Structures are given as C-alpha cells and as structure tokens.
Amino acid sequence: MTKLRITQVRSQIGQTERHRGTLRALGLGRIGRTTEREASPETLGMLRKVRHLVKVEDA
C-alpha cells in the first residue's frame, strides 16, 4: 500500500468532538504536527471526515 504524509494545518478549536477524536486517532492534535499512515480504507475515511483540517501528501 502507499504511504500518506498527513499534516494538521488548522486548529481543532470549534470543531465537533467527533472531528477532534478523529484527529487524535490519526496521531495529530496540534497545528504543524505530521504523521505517516498507510492508505487503507479506514484511514481514507478518517481523512475524508477532517479534510478541512489537514493536508495530505504522498510519502
């Protein structure tokens, strides 16, 4: 599978609890924090939920 580099670019303040939980599950929580994940269907679904808060690149 392909790797994705996920960077949080917007604050979680003012977001719903579900969005904040999704960011935590992805290993994020602060602006500028980056993590690498496999592009599984579960990860892609989480990214779709918080696409307005993160930037996704191929790793």
C-alpha atoms as a PDB file:
ATOM      1  CA  MET A   1       0.000   0.000   0.000  1.00  0.00           C
ATOM      2  CA  THR A   2       1.014   3.581  -0.460  1.00  0.00           C
ATOM      3  CA  LYS A   3       2.094   5.775   2.460  1.00  0.00           C
ATOM      4  CA  LEU A   4       0.465   9.138   3.148  1.00  0.00           C
ATOM      5  CA  ARG A   5       2.040  12.068   4.962  1.00  0.00           C
ATOM      6  CA  ILE A   6      -0.688  13.862   6.941  1.00  0.00           C
ATOM      7  CA  THR A   7      -0.119  17.335   8.402  1.00  0.00           C
ATOM      8  CA  GLN A   8      -2.593  19.257  10.520  1.00  0.00           C
ATOM      9  CA  VAL A   9      -2.942  22.787   9.127  1.00  0.00           C
ATOM     10  CA  ARG A  10      -5.975  24.152  11.003  1.00  0.00           C
ATOM     11  CA  SER A  11      -6.973  24.236  14.649  1.00  0.00           C
ATOM     12  CA  GLN A  12      -9.370  21.762  16.208  1.00  0.00           C
ATOM     13  CA  ILE A  13     -10.893  24.510  18.360  1.00  0.00           C
ATOM     14  CA  GLY A  14     -14.547  24.932  17.459  1.00  0.00           C
ATOM     15  CA  GLN A  15     -14.780  21.519  15.779  1.00  0.00           C
ATOM     16  CA  THR A  16     -17.112  18.762  16.882  1.00  0.00           C
ATOM     17  CA  GLU A  17     -15.996  16.112  19.342  1.00  0.00           C
ATOM     18  CA  ARG A  18     -16.031  13.545  16.510  1.00  0.00           C
ATOM     19  CA  HIS A  19     -13.580  15.616  14.468  1.00  0.00           C
ATOM     20  CA  ARG A  20     -11.284  16.080  17.468  1.00  0.00           C
ATOM     21  CA  GLY A  21     -11.404  12.334  18.130  1.00  0.00           C
ATOM     22  CA  THR A  22     -10.583  11.576  14.508  1.00  0.00           C
ATOM     23  CA  LEU A  23      -7.536  13.851  14.679  1.00  0.00           C
ATOM     24  CA  ARG A  24      -6.375  12.070  17.845  1.00  0.00           C
ATOM     25  CA  ALA A  25      -6.850   8.683  16.169  1.00  0.00           C
ATOM     26  CA  LEU A  26      -4.678   9.868  13.282  1.00  0.00           C
ATOM     27  CA  GLY A  27      -1.945  10.895  15.729  1.00  0.00           C
ATOM     28  CA  LEU A  28      -2.480  14.632  15.313  1.00  0.00           C
ATOM     29  CA  GLY A  29      -3.695  17.332  17.678  1.00  0.00           C
ATOM     30  CA  ARG A  30      -1.517  20.379  17.098  1.00  0.00           C
ATOM     31  CA  ILE A  31      -1.090  22.573  14.056  1.00  0.00           C
ATOM     32  CA  GLY A  32       2.047  21.555  12.184  1.00  0.00           C
ATOM     33  CA  ARG A  33       2.192  18.020  13.565  1.00  0.00           C
ATOM     34  CA  THR A  34       2.847  15.405  10.865  1.00  0.00           C
ATOM     35  CA  THR A  35       2.317  11.658  10.783  1.00  0.00           C
ATOM     36  CA  GLU A  36       2.671   8.926   8.165  1.00  0.00           C
ATOM     37  CA  ARG A  37      -0.028   6.316   7.615  1.00  0.00           C
ATOM     38  CA  GLU A  38      -0.821   3.540   5.177  1.00  0.00           C
ATOM     39  CA  ALA A  39      -3.582   4.428   2.700  1.00  0.00           C
ATOM     40  CA  SER A  40      -6.105   1.875   3.976  1.00  0.00           C
ATOM     41  CA  PRO A  41      -9.875   2.330   3.540  1.00  0.00           C
ATOM     42  CA  GLU A  42     -10.172   3.146   7.257  1.00  0.00           C
ATOM     43  CA  THR A  43      -7.528   5.862   7.099  1.00  0.00           C
ATOM     44  CA  LEU A  44      -9.009   7.349   3.930  1.00  0.00           C
ATOM     45  CA  GLY A  45     -12.423   7.505   5.619  1.00  0.00           C
ATOM     46  CA  MET A  46     -10.957   9.343   8.611  1.00  0.00           C
ATOM     47  CA  LEU A  47      -9.191  11.788   6.303  1.00  0.00           C
ATOM     48  CA  ARG A  48     -12.443  12.452   4.465  1.00  0.00           C
ATOM     49  CA  LYS A  49     -14.036  13.485   7.783  1.00  0.00           C
ATOM     50  CA  VAL A  50     -11.331  16.029   8.641  1.00  0.00           C
ATOM     51  CA  ARG A  51     -10.190  17.068   5.145  1.00  0.00           C
ATOM     52  CA  HIS A  52     -10.755  20.744   6.018  1.00  0.00           C
ATOM     53  CA  LEU A  53      -8.201  20.495   8.876  1.00  0.00           C
ATOM     54  CA  VAL A  54      -5.350  18.533   7.272  1.00  0.00           C
ATOM     55  CA  LYS A  55      -3.038  18.468   4.276  1.00  0.00           C
ATOM     56  CA  VAL A  56      -2.329  15.074   2.688  1.00  0.00           C
ATOM     57  CA  GLU A  57       0.697  14.237   0.539  1.00  0.00           C
ATOM     58  CA  ASP A  58       2.248  11.034  -0.801  1.00  0.00           C
ATOM     59  CA  ALA A  59       5.211   9.934   1.302  1.00  0.00           C
END
